[in-house]
């Protein structure tokens, strides 16, 4: 693999690319939008965002945006963007309701350089207390039970994966993508909430233990999952490539060994090019 820095953007959590626009999120519901066409070929410069925005209803529900991705469904036929998903992850780790396994779905609308989001649905894993499926052990969760999510836009599937414990590994679940019409109205948030049950599982498999999952993307039938912490050799920055057809880890890319020791965050693809960014906002182009 080769890696080349191409720009500097805002840091923090995951992001998602649609056409030539990169949406980069933080853990508090804020996000910036950048035009990839503004990247200069001959210099690494800080990109000026088209604007800075806040996700809808961030005053009552705030995704951590550990994983952000585009869906397949459009809220309205003439919408420019499909539904955007962002997961809660560990934002409510200290609350009574930790919202484990919950992902938020947003409609995205654009007027010029201004972007508006509207919360339209919640998707929840309904078996996070089941030690045979999600939970690490009958009496406790693993260190990160919150779950990351991605969508296979070509196949029409919704994937969830969760760290269990080192001896149990990381488990992947496959579901069909819930439509926006599904779910029951949640009076707290004013949108429908879909609760996925064990009966909704299309498939599942286990992979080696991912050491603190960060951003994720699905491209070409494979999940690219970033992991690790800043300057932590024990939990070193890395990318795992998961082959969904083979139901196995295909490749482990050790970013630490390559000298990239900042916390990994964003990963996505545009025109078959892989874009990666760390927590400080250094944006790279990867050739895998």
C-alpha atoms as a PDB file:
ATOM      1  CA  UNK A   1       0.000   0.000   0.000  1.00  0.00           C
ATOM      2  CA  UNK A   2       1.093   3.557  -0.718  1.00  0.00           C
ATOM      3  CA  UNK A   3      -0.197   6.549   1.193  1.00  0.00           C
ATOM      4  CA  UNK A   4       0.135  10.215   0.259  1.00  0.00           C
ATOM      5  CA  UNK A   5      -1.128  13.263   2.104  1.00  0.00           C
ATOM      6  CA  UNK A   6      -3.174  15.514  -0.179  1.00  0.00           C
ATOM      7  CA  UNK A   7      -4.783  18.112   2.105  1.00  0.00           C
ATOM      8  CA  UNK A   8      -5.685  19.198   5.619  1.00  0.00           C
ATOM      9  CA  UNK A   9      -9.329  19.278   6.769  1.00  0.00           C
ATOM     10  CA  UNK A  10     -11.195  19.317  10.073  1.00  0.00           C
ATOM     11  CA  UNK A  11     -10.406  16.394  12.325  1.00  0.00           C
ATOM     12  CA  UNK A  12     -12.345  14.303  14.816  1.00  0.00           C
ATOM     13  CA  UNK A  13     -14.558  11.421  13.595  1.00  0.00           C
ATOM     14  CA  UNK A  14     -15.663   9.607  10.435  1.00  0.00           C
ATOM     15  CA  UNK A  15     -16.869  11.128   7.194  1.00  0.00           C
ATOM     16  CA  UNK A  16     -18.620  10.192   3.972  1.00  0.00           C
ATOM     17  CA  UNK A  17     -18.146  11.244   0.345  1.00  0.00           C
ATOM     18  CA  UNK A  18     -20.948  11.827  -2.166  1.00  0.00           C
ATOM     19  CA  UNK A  19     -19.939  12.717  -5.696  1.00  0.00           C
ATOM     20  CA  UNK A  20     -17.130  15.243  -5.161  1.00  0.00           C
ATOM     21  CA  UNK A  21     -18.159  16.414  -1.661  1.00  0.00           C
ATOM     22  CA  UNK A  22     -16.615  15.156   1.567  1.00  0.00           C
ATOM     23  CA  UNK A  23     -18.724  15.438   4.740  1.00  0.00           C
ATOM     24  CA  UNK A  24     -16.587  15.312   7.912  1.00  0.00           C
ATOM     25  CA  UNK A  25     -18.194  14.947  11.349  1.00  0.00           C
ATOM     26  CA  UNK A  26     -17.234  15.418  14.970  1.00  0.00           C
ATOM     27  CA  UNK A  27     -18.683  13.721  18.056  1.00  0.00           C
ATOM     28  CA  UNK A  28     -21.025  16.606  18.963  1.00  0.00           C
ATOM     29  CA  UNK A  29     -23.242  16.699  15.877  1.00  0.00           C
ATOM     30  CA  UNK A  30     -21.202  19.282  13.968  1.00  0.00           C
ATOM     31  CA  UNK A  31     -19.907  18.693  10.445  1.00  0.00           C
ATOM     32  CA  UNK A  32     -18.044  20.423   7.630  1.00  0.00           C
ATOM     33  CA  UNK A  33     -18.436  19.927   3.888  1.00  0.00           C
ATOM     34  CA  UNK A  34     -15.452  20.077   1.523  1.00  0.00           C
ATOM     35  CA  UNK A  35     -15.156  19.964  -2.260  1.00  0.00           C
ATOM     36  CA  UNK A  36     -12.558  17.399  -3.335  1.00  0.00           C
ATOM     37  CA  UNK A  37     -12.082  19.463  -6.492  1.00  0.00           C
ATOM     38  CA  UNK A  38     -10.483  22.164  -4.302  1.00  0.00           C
ATOM     39  CA  UNK A  39      -7.527  19.882  -3.539  1.00  0.00           C
ATOM     40  CA  UNK A  40      -4.382  21.129  -5.251  1.00  0.00           C
ATOM     41  CA  UNK A  41      -2.293  18.536  -7.061  1.00  0.00           C
ATOM     42  CA  UNK A  42       1.056  20.125  -6.273  1.00  0.00           C
ATOM     43  CA  UNK A  43       0.697  21.192  -2.623  1.00  0.00           C
ATOM     44  CA  UNK A  44      -0.739  20.031   0.701  1.00  0.00           C
ATOM     45  CA  UNK A  45      -2.945  22.891   1.874  1.00  0.00           C
ATOM     46  CA  UNK A  46      -5.718  23.386   4.394  1.00  0.00           C
ATOM     47  CA  UNK A  47      -9.044  23.187   2.588  1.00  0.00           C
ATOM     48  CA  UNK A  48     -11.653  25.837   3.265  1.00  0.00           C
ATOM     49  CA  UNK A  49     -15.019  24.141   3.835  1.00  0.00           C
ATOM     50  CA  UNK A  50     -18.118  25.147   1.924  1.00  0.00           C
ATOM     51  CA  UNK A  51     -19.646  25.595   5.359  1.00  0.00           C
ATOM     52  CA  UNK A  52     -20.005  24.346   8.915  1.00  0.00           C
ATOM     53  CA  UNK A  53     -23.285  22.820  10.027  1.00  0.00           C
ATOM     54  CA  UNK A  54     -25.052  20.963  12.868  1.00  0.00           C
ATOM     55  CA  UNK A  55     -27.110  17.793  12.584  1.00  0.00           C
ATOM     56  CA  UNK A  56     -30.848  18.061  13.161  1.00  0.00           C
ATOM     57  CA  UNK A  57     -32.088  17.559  16.745  1.00  0.00           C
ATOM     58  CA  UNK A  58     -28.536  17.566  18.107  1.00  0.00           C
ATOM     59  CA  UNK A  59     -30.021  19.136  21.237  1.00  0.00           C
ATOM     60  CA  UNK A  60     -31.762  15.861  22.120  1.00  0.00           C
ATOM     61  CA  UNK A  61     -29.839  13.105  20.293  1.00  0.00           C
ATOM     62  CA  UNK A  62     -26.211  13.393  19.191  1.00  0.00           C
ATOM     63  CA  UNK A  63     -24.421  10.693  17.206  1.00  0.00           C
ATOM     64  CA  UNK A  64     -20.736  10.179  17.880  1.00  0.00           C
ATOM     65  CA  UNK A  65     -20.290   9.646  14.128  1.00  0.00           C
ATOM     66  CA  UNK A  66     -17.850   6.822  14.682  1.00  0.00           C
ATOM     67  CA  UNK A  67     -19.190   5.467  11.388  1.00  0.00           C
ATOM     68  CA  UNK A  68     -20.925   7.655   8.776  1.00  0.00           C
ATOM     69  CA  UNK A  69     -22.219   6.386   5.436  1.00  0.00           C
ATOM     70  CA  UNK A  70     -24.774   6.873   2.659  1.00  0.00           C
ATOM     71  CA  UNK A  71     -27.779   4.641   2.143  1.00  0.00           C
ATOM     72  CA  UNK A  72     -29.721   3.659  -0.943  1.00  0.00           C
ATOM     73  CA  UNK A  73     -33.108   5.276  -0.309  1.00  0.00           C
ATOM     74  CA  UNK A  74     -34.037   8.905  -1.019  1.00  0.00           C
ATOM     75  CA  UNK A  75     -36.490  10.709   1.238  1.00  0.00           C
ATOM     76  CA  UNK A  76     -38.089  12.386  -1.779  1.00  0.00           C
ATOM     77  CA  UNK A  77     -37.755  11.437  -5.469  1.00  0.00           C
ATOM     78  CA  UNK A  78     -36.080  14.720  -6.391  1.00  0.00           C
ATOM     79  CA  UNK A  79     -33.605  14.773  -3.463  1.00  0.00           C
ATOM     80  CA  UNK A  80     -29.965  15.242  -4.440  1.00  0.00           C
ATOM     81  CA  UNK A  81     -28.638  12.998  -1.666  1.00  0.00           C
ATOM     82  CA  UNK A  82     -29.669   9.597  -0.355  1.00  0.00           C
ATOM     83  CA  UNK A  83     -30.218   9.061   3.364  1.00  0.00           C
ATOM     84  CA  UNK A  84     -27.131   9.684   5.495  1.00  0.00           C
ATOM     85  CA  UNK A  85     -26.478   7.431   8.500  1.00  0.00           C
ATOM     86  CA  UNK A  86     -24.405   8.192  11.604  1.00  0.00           C
ATOM     87  CA  UNK A  87     -24.091   5.984  14.679  1.00  0.00           C
ATOM     88  CA  UNK A  88     -24.511   6.964  18.327  1.00  0.00           C
ATOM     89  CA  UNK A  89     -21.577   4.776  19.439  1.00  0.00           C
ATOM     90  CA  UNK A  90     -20.392   5.773  22.958  1.00  0.00           C
ATOM     91  CA  UNK A  91     -21.842   9.280  23.258  1.00  0.00           C
ATOM     92  CA  UNK A  92     -24.228   8.112  26.001  1.00  0.00           C
ATOM     93  CA  UNK A  93     -21.894   5.677  27.742  1.00  0.00           C
ATOM     94  CA  UNK A  94     -22.554   7.384  31.081  1.00  0.00           C
ATOM     95  CA  UNK A  95     -26.335   7.670  30.683  1.00  0.00           C
ATOM     96  CA  UNK A  96     -29.016   5.312  31.966  1.00  0.00           C
ATOM     97  CA  UNK A  97     -30.065   4.611  28.379  1.00  0.00           C
ATOM     98  CA  UNK A  98     -26.749   4.150  26.592  1.00  0.00           C
ATOM     99  CA  UNK A  99     -28.404   3.818  23.161  1.00  0.00           C
ATOM    100  CA  UNK A 100     -26.180   0.820  22.410  1.00  0.00           C
ATOM    101  CA  UNK A 101     -26.464  -0.329  18.815  1.00  0.00           C
ATOM    102  CA  UNK A 102     -28.377   2.759  17.631  1.00  0.00           C
ATOM    103  CA  UNK A 103     -27.825   4.543  14.322  1.00  0.00           C
ATOM    104  CA  UNK A 104     -29.447   7.806  13.173  1.00  0.00           C
ATOM    105  CA  UNK A 105     -30.741   8.371   9.634  1.00  0.00           C
ATOM    106  CA  UNK A 106     -30.894  11.874   8.129  1.00  0.00           C
ATOM    107  CA  UNK A 107     -32.307  13.520   5.048  1.00  0.00           C
ATOM    108  CA  UNK A 108     -29.721  15.885   3.511  1.00  0.00           C
ATOM    109  CA  UNK A 109     -30.788  18.947   1.503  1.00  0.00           C
ATOM    110  CA  UNK A 110     -28.579  21.492  -0.207  1.00  0.00           C
ATOM    111  CA  UNK A 111     -29.167  25.111  -1.173  1.00  0.00           C
ATOM    112  CA  UNK A 112     -26.037  26.533  -2.774  1.00  0.00           C
ATOM    113  CA  UNK A 113     -23.288  26.071  -0.207  1.00  0.00           C
ATOM    114  CA  UNK A 114     -25.723  25.513   2.657  1.00  0.00           C
ATOM    115  CA  UNK A 115     -26.685  22.054   3.893  1.00  0.00           C
ATOM    116  CA  UNK A 116     -29.683  21.118   6.002  1.00  0.00           C
ATOM    117  CA  UNK A 117     -30.269  17.767   7.709  1.00  0.00           C
ATOM    118  CA  UNK A 118     -33.500  16.290   9.084  1.00  0.00           C
ATOM    119  CA  UNK A 119     -33.596  13.301  11.410  1.00  0.00           C
ATOM    120  CA  UNK A 120     -35.974  10.794   9.767  1.00  0.00           C
ATOM    121  CA  UNK A 121     -35.378   7.419  11.441  1.00  0.00           C
ATOM    122  CA  UNK A 122     -33.525   5.464  14.124  1.00  0.00           C
ATOM    123  CA  UNK A 123     -32.250   1.913  13.601  1.00  0.00           C
ATOM    124  CA  UNK A 124     -31.504  -0.110  16.725  1.00  0.00           C
ATOM    125  CA  UNK A 125     -29.970  -3.520  17.361  1.00  0.00           C
ATOM    126  CA  UNK A 126     -32.542  -5.151  19.621  1.00  0.00           C
ATOM    127  CA  UNK A 127     -30.381  -7.969  20.973  1.00  0.00           C
ATOM    128  CA  UNK A 128     -27.405  -6.130  22.506  1.00  0.00           C
ATOM    129  CA  UNK A 129     -28.011  -7.939  25.820  1.00  0.00           C
ATOM    130  CA  UNK A 130     -27.826 -11.390  24.223  1.00  0.00           C
ATOM    131  CA  UNK A 131     -24.458 -13.029  25.136  1.00  0.00           C
ATOM    132  CA  UNK A 132     -24.879 -15.601  22.385  1.00  0.00           C
ATOM    133  CA  UNK A 133     -25.045 -12.878  19.756  1.00  0.00           C
ATOM    134  CA  UNK A 134     -23.858  -9.390  20.769  1.00  0.00           C
ATOM    135  CA  UNK A 135     -22.888  -9.166  24.412  1.00  0.00           C
ATOM    136  CA  UNK A 136     -19.397 -10.346  25.358  1.00  0.00           C
ATOM    137  CA  UNK A 137     -20.452 -12.427  28.399  1.00  0.00           C
ATOM    138  CA  UNK A 138     -23.691 -13.100  30.317  1.00  0.00           C
ATOM    139  CA  UNK A 139     -22.761 -10.760  33.151  1.00  0.00           C
ATOM    140  CA  UNK A 140     -21.038  -7.947  31.260  1.00  0.00           C
ATOM    141  CA  UNK A 141     -20.446  -6.218  27.974  1.00  0.00           C
ATOM    142  CA  UNK A 142     -17.079  -5.918  26.285  1.00  0.00           C
ATOM    143  CA  UNK A 143     -15.081  -2.695  26.427  1.00  0.00           C
ATOM    144  CA  UNK A 144     -16.876  -1.271  23.340  1.00  0.00           C
ATOM    145  CA  UNK A 145     -20.367  -2.774  22.920  1.00  0.00           C
ATOM    146  CA  UNK A 146     -21.800   0.121  20.896  1.00  0.00           C
ATOM    147  CA  UNK A 147     -21.456  -1.135  17.331  1.00  0.00           C
ATOM    148  CA  UNK A 148     -20.339   0.255  13.980  1.00  0.00           C
ATOM    149  CA  UNK A 149     -22.460   0.102  10.845  1.00  0.00           C
ATOM    150  CA  UNK A 150     -22.077   0.291   7.062  1.00  0.00           C
ATOM    151  CA  UNK A 151     -24.350  -0.257   4.065  1.00  0.00           C
ATOM    152  CA  UNK A 152     -23.749  -2.367   0.977  1.00  0.00           C
ATOM    153  CA  UNK A 153     -25.354  -0.047  -1.565  1.00  0.00           C
ATOM    154  CA  UNK A 154     -25.016  -2.554  -4.401  1.00  0.00           C
ATOM    155  CA  UNK A 155     -26.290  -5.600  -2.517  1.00  0.00           C
ATOM    156  CA  UNK A 156     -28.888  -3.801  -0.424  1.00  0.00           C
ATOM    157  CA  UNK A 157     -27.637  -4.914   2.987  1.00  0.00           C
ATOM    158  CA  UNK A 158     -27.034  -3.237   6.334  1.00  0.00           C
ATOM    159  CA  UNK A 159     -24.011  -4.504   8.285  1.00  0.00           C
ATOM    160  CA  UNK A 160     -23.343  -4.145  12.011  1.00  0.00           C
ATOM    161  CA  UNK A 161     -20.143  -5.163  13.743  1.00  0.00           C
ATOM    162  CA  UNK A 162     -19.086  -5.067  17.361  1.00  0.00           C
ATOM    163  CA  UNK A 163     -16.013  -5.748  19.467  1.00  0.00           C
ATOM    164  CA  UNK A 164     -16.800  -8.471  21.963  1.00  0.00           C
ATOM    165  CA  UNK A 165     -13.681  -9.623  23.852  1.00  0.00           C
ATOM    166  CA  UNK A 166     -10.245 -10.639  22.666  1.00  0.00           C
ATOM    167  CA  UNK A 167     -11.093 -14.320  23.008  1.00  0.00           C
ATOM    168  CA  UNK A 168     -14.374 -13.855  21.125  1.00  0.00           C
ATOM    169  CA  UNK A 169     -13.204 -11.457  18.420  1.00  0.00           C
ATOM    170  CA  UNK A 170     -15.291  -8.985  16.429  1.00  0.00           C
ATOM    171  CA  UNK A 171     -18.675 -10.160  15.187  1.00  0.00           C
ATOM    172  CA  UNK A 172     -20.288  -9.090  11.921  1.00  0.00           C
ATOM    173  CA  UNK A 173     -24.056  -9.172  11.276  1.00  0.00           C
ATOM    174  CA  UNK A 174     -25.856  -8.829   7.959  1.00  0.00           C
ATOM    175  CA  UNK A 175     -29.411  -7.463   7.644  1.00  0.00           C
ATOM    176  CA  UNK A 176     -31.486  -6.151   4.796  1.00  0.00           C
ATOM    177  CA  UNK A 177     -31.638  -2.347   4.823  1.00  0.00           C
ATOM    178  CA  UNK A 178     -34.755  -1.122   6.684  1.00  0.00           C
ATOM    179  CA  UNK A 179     -36.894   1.179   4.557  1.00  0.00           C
ATOM    180  CA  UNK A 180     -37.910   4.607   5.812  1.00  0.00           C
ATOM    181  CA  UNK A 181     -41.508   3.415   6.129  1.00  0.00           C
ATOM    182  CA  UNK A 182     -40.605   0.797   8.722  1.00  0.00           C
ATOM    183  CA  UNK A 183     -40.606   1.155  12.472  1.00  0.00           C
ATOM    184  CA  UNK A 184     -42.797   2.520  15.236  1.00  0.00           C
ATOM    185  CA  UNK A 185     -42.992   6.194  16.160  1.00  0.00           C
ATOM    186  CA  UNK A 186     -40.582   7.128  18.951  1.00  0.00           C
ATOM    187  CA  UNK A 187     -42.299   9.947  20.897  1.00  0.00           C
ATOM    188  CA  UNK A 188     -39.010  11.245  22.312  1.00  0.00           C
ATOM    189  CA  UNK A 189     -37.431  11.948  18.937  1.00  0.00           C
ATOM    190  CA  UNK A 190     -40.512  12.256  16.717  1.00  0.00           C
ATOM    191  CA  UNK A 191     -39.317   9.699  14.139  1.00  0.00           C
ATOM    192  CA  UNK A 192     -39.834   6.001  13.483  1.00  0.00           C
ATOM    193  CA  UNK A 193     -37.528   3.580  15.268  1.00  0.00           C
ATOM    194  CA  UNK A 194     -36.722   0.226  13.680  1.00  0.00           C
ATOM    195  CA  UNK A 195     -35.623  -2.493  16.126  1.00  0.00           C
ATOM    196  CA  UNK A 196     -33.708  -5.336  14.482  1.00  0.00           C
ATOM    197  CA  UNK A 197     -34.254  -8.737  16.110  1.00  0.00           C
ATOM    198  CA  UNK A 198     -32.357 -12.050  15.804  1.00  0.00           C
ATOM    199  CA  UNK A 199     -34.972 -13.093  13.232  1.00  0.00           C
ATOM    200  CA  UNK A 200     -33.786 -10.213  11.017  1.00  0.00           C
ATOM    201  CA  UNK A 201     -30.206 -11.551  10.819  1.00  0.00           C
ATOM    202  CA  UNK A 202     -29.440 -12.694   7.277  1.00  0.00           C
ATOM    203  CA  UNK A 203     -25.951 -13.892   8.178  1.00  0.00           C
ATOM    204  CA  UNK A 204     -23.231 -13.483  10.799  1.00  0.00           C
ATOM    205  CA  UNK A 205     -19.557 -14.351  11.165  1.00  0.00           C
ATOM    206  CA  UNK A 206     -16.588 -13.665  13.425  1.00  0.00           C
ATOM    207  CA  UNK A 207     -13.249 -12.027  12.660  1.00  0.00           C
ATOM    208  CA  UNK A 208     -10.088 -11.422  14.679  1.00  0.00           C
ATOM    209  CA  UNK A 209     -10.429  -8.868  17.451  1.00  0.00           C
ATOM    210  CA  UNK A 210     -10.404  -5.275  16.163  1.00  0.00           C
ATOM    211  CA  UNK A 211      -8.524  -3.120  18.637  1.00  0.00           C
ATOM    212  CA  UNK A 212     -10.946  -0.200  19.143  1.00  0.00           C
ATOM    213  CA  UNK A 213     -12.918   0.341  15.953  1.00  0.00           C
ATOM    214  CA  UNK A 214     -13.018   3.804  14.436  1.00  0.00           C
ATOM    215  CA  UNK A 215     -14.324   4.808  10.974  1.00  0.00           C
ATOM    216  CA  UNK A 216     -15.560   2.352   8.371  1.00  0.00           C
ATOM    217  CA  UNK A 217     -16.529   2.102   4.712  1.00  0.00           C
ATOM    218  CA  UNK A 218     -17.868  -0.602   2.409  1.00  0.00           C
ATOM    219  CA  UNK A 219     -16.485  -0.793  -1.126  1.00  0.00           C
ATOM    220  CA  UNK A 220     -16.338  -3.563  -3.684  1.00  0.00           C
ATOM    221  CA  UNK A 221     -17.800  -6.174  -1.368  1.00  0.00           C
ATOM    222  CA  UNK A 222     -15.325  -5.426   1.422  1.00  0.00           C
ATOM    223  CA  UNK A 223     -15.510  -3.508   4.681  1.00  0.00           C
ATOM    224  CA  UNK A 224     -12.559  -1.236   5.442  1.00  0.00           C
ATOM    225  CA  UNK A 225     -12.447  -0.715   9.202  1.00  0.00           C
ATOM    226  CA  UNK A 226      -9.993   1.651  10.858  1.00  0.00           C
ATOM    227  CA  UNK A 227      -8.876   1.099  14.431  1.00  0.00           C
ATOM    228  CA  UNK A 228      -6.481   2.131  17.172  1.00  0.00           C
ATOM    229  CA  UNK A 229      -5.536   5.115  19.288  1.00  0.00           C
ATOM    230  CA  UNK A 230      -3.085   7.968  18.914  1.00  0.00           C
ATOM    231  CA  UNK A 231       0.506   6.917  19.653  1.00  0.00           C
ATOM    232  CA  UNK A 232      -0.615   3.629  21.226  1.00  0.00           C
ATOM    233  CA  UNK A 233       1.587   0.709  20.254  1.00  0.00           C
ATOM    234  CA  UNK A 234      -0.707  -1.739  22.065  1.00  0.00           C
ATOM    235  CA  UNK A 235      -3.751  -0.409  20.166  1.00  0.00           C
ATOM    236  CA  UNK A 236      -1.913   0.720  17.075  1.00  0.00           C
ATOM    237  CA  UNK A 237      -3.485   2.594  14.181  1.00  0.00           C
ATOM    238  CA  UNK A 238      -4.448   0.128  11.455  1.00  0.00           C
ATOM    239  CA  UNK A 239      -6.954  -0.743   8.742  1.00  0.00           C
ATOM    240  CA  UNK A 240      -8.621  -4.138   8.465  1.00  0.00           C
ATOM    241  CA  UNK A 241     -10.113  -5.312   5.179  1.00  0.00           C
ATOM    242  CA  UNK A 242     -13.030  -7.711   5.640  1.00  0.00           C
ATOM    243  CA  UNK A 243     -14.093  -9.883   2.697  1.00  0.00           C
ATOM    244  CA  UNK A 244     -17.862 -10.201   2.987  1.00  0.00           C
ATOM    245  CA  UNK A 245     -18.223 -13.046   0.491  1.00  0.00           C
ATOM    246  CA  UNK A 246     -15.489 -15.060   2.180  1.00  0.00           C
ATOM    247  CA  UNK A 247     -16.648 -13.967   5.650  1.00  0.00           C
ATOM    248  CA  UNK A 248     -13.091 -13.405   6.766  1.00  0.00           C
ATOM    249  CA  UNK A 249     -10.413 -10.813   7.382  1.00  0.00           C
ATOM    250  CA  UNK A 250      -8.516 -10.470   4.119  1.00  0.00           C
ATOM    251  CA  UNK A 251      -5.833  -7.992   5.117  1.00  0.00           C
ATOM    252  CA  UNK A 252      -4.432  -6.157   8.136  1.00  0.00           C
ATOM    253  CA  UNK A 253      -2.689  -2.874   7.237  1.00  0.00           C
ATOM    254  CA  UNK A 254      -0.420  -1.706  10.060  1.00  0.00           C
ATOM    255  CA  UNK A 255      -0.349   2.098   9.830  1.00  0.00           C
ATOM    256  CA  UNK A 256       1.815   2.277  12.955  1.00  0.00           C
ATOM    257  CA  UNK A 257       4.531   0.245  11.238  1.00  0.00           C
ATOM    258  CA  UNK A 258       4.379   2.665   8.303  1.00  0.00           C
ATOM    259  CA  UNK A 259       4.945   5.648  10.615  1.00  0.00           C
ATOM    260  CA  UNK A 260       1.343   6.907  10.813  1.00  0.00           C
ATOM    261  CA  UNK A 261       0.667   6.967  14.546  1.00  0.00           C
ATOM    262  CA  UNK A 262      -2.226   9.414  14.917  1.00  0.00           C
ATOM    263  CA  UNK A 263      -5.660   8.001  15.692  1.00  0.00           C
ATOM    264  CA  UNK A 264      -7.372   6.728  12.521  1.00  0.00           C
ATOM    265  CA  UNK A 265     -10.845   8.038  11.859  1.00  0.00           C
ATOM    266  CA  UNK A 266     -12.338   8.652   8.412  1.00  0.00           C
ATOM    267  CA  UNK A 267     -12.202   6.265   5.476  1.00  0.00           C
ATOM    268  CA  UNK A 268     -14.267   6.268   2.271  1.00  0.00           C
ATOM    269  CA  UNK A 269     -14.042   5.795  -1.481  1.00  0.00           C
ATOM    270  CA  UNK A 270     -14.748   8.068  -4.449  1.00  0.00           C
ATOM    271  CA  UNK A 271     -14.184   6.970  -8.058  1.00  0.00           C
ATOM    272  CA  UNK A 272     -12.500   3.830  -6.662  1.00  0.00           C
ATOM    273  CA  UNK A 273      -9.937   5.986  -4.822  1.00  0.00           C
ATOM    274  CA  UNK A 274      -9.589   5.443  -1.089  1.00  0.00           C
ATOM    275  CA  UNK A 275      -9.524   8.571   1.092  1.00  0.00           C
ATOM    276  CA  UNK A 276      -8.359   8.353   4.685  1.00  0.00           C
ATOM    277  CA  UNK A 277      -8.037  10.940   7.441  1.00  0.00           C
ATOM    278  CA  UNK A 278      -6.749  10.856  11.010  1.00  0.00           C
ATOM    279  CA  UNK A 279      -8.093  12.620  14.105  1.00  0.00           C
ATOM    280  CA  UNK A 280      -6.040  15.738  13.346  1.00  0.00           C
ATOM    281  CA  UNK A 281      -7.577  16.143   9.889  1.00  0.00           C
ATOM    282  CA  UNK A 282      -4.641  15.068   7.734  1.00  0.00           C
ATOM    283  CA  UNK A 283      -6.274  13.791   4.532  1.00  0.00           C
ATOM    284  CA  UNK A 284      -4.547  11.044   2.545  1.00  0.00           C
ATOM    285  CA  UNK A 285      -5.040   9.173  -0.708  1.00  0.00           C
ATOM    286  CA  UNK A 286      -4.421   5.438  -0.340  1.00  0.00           C
ATOM    287  CA  UNK A 287      -3.515   3.001  -3.072  1.00  0.00           C
ATOM    288  CA  UNK A 288      -4.293  -0.446  -1.754  1.00  0.00           C
END
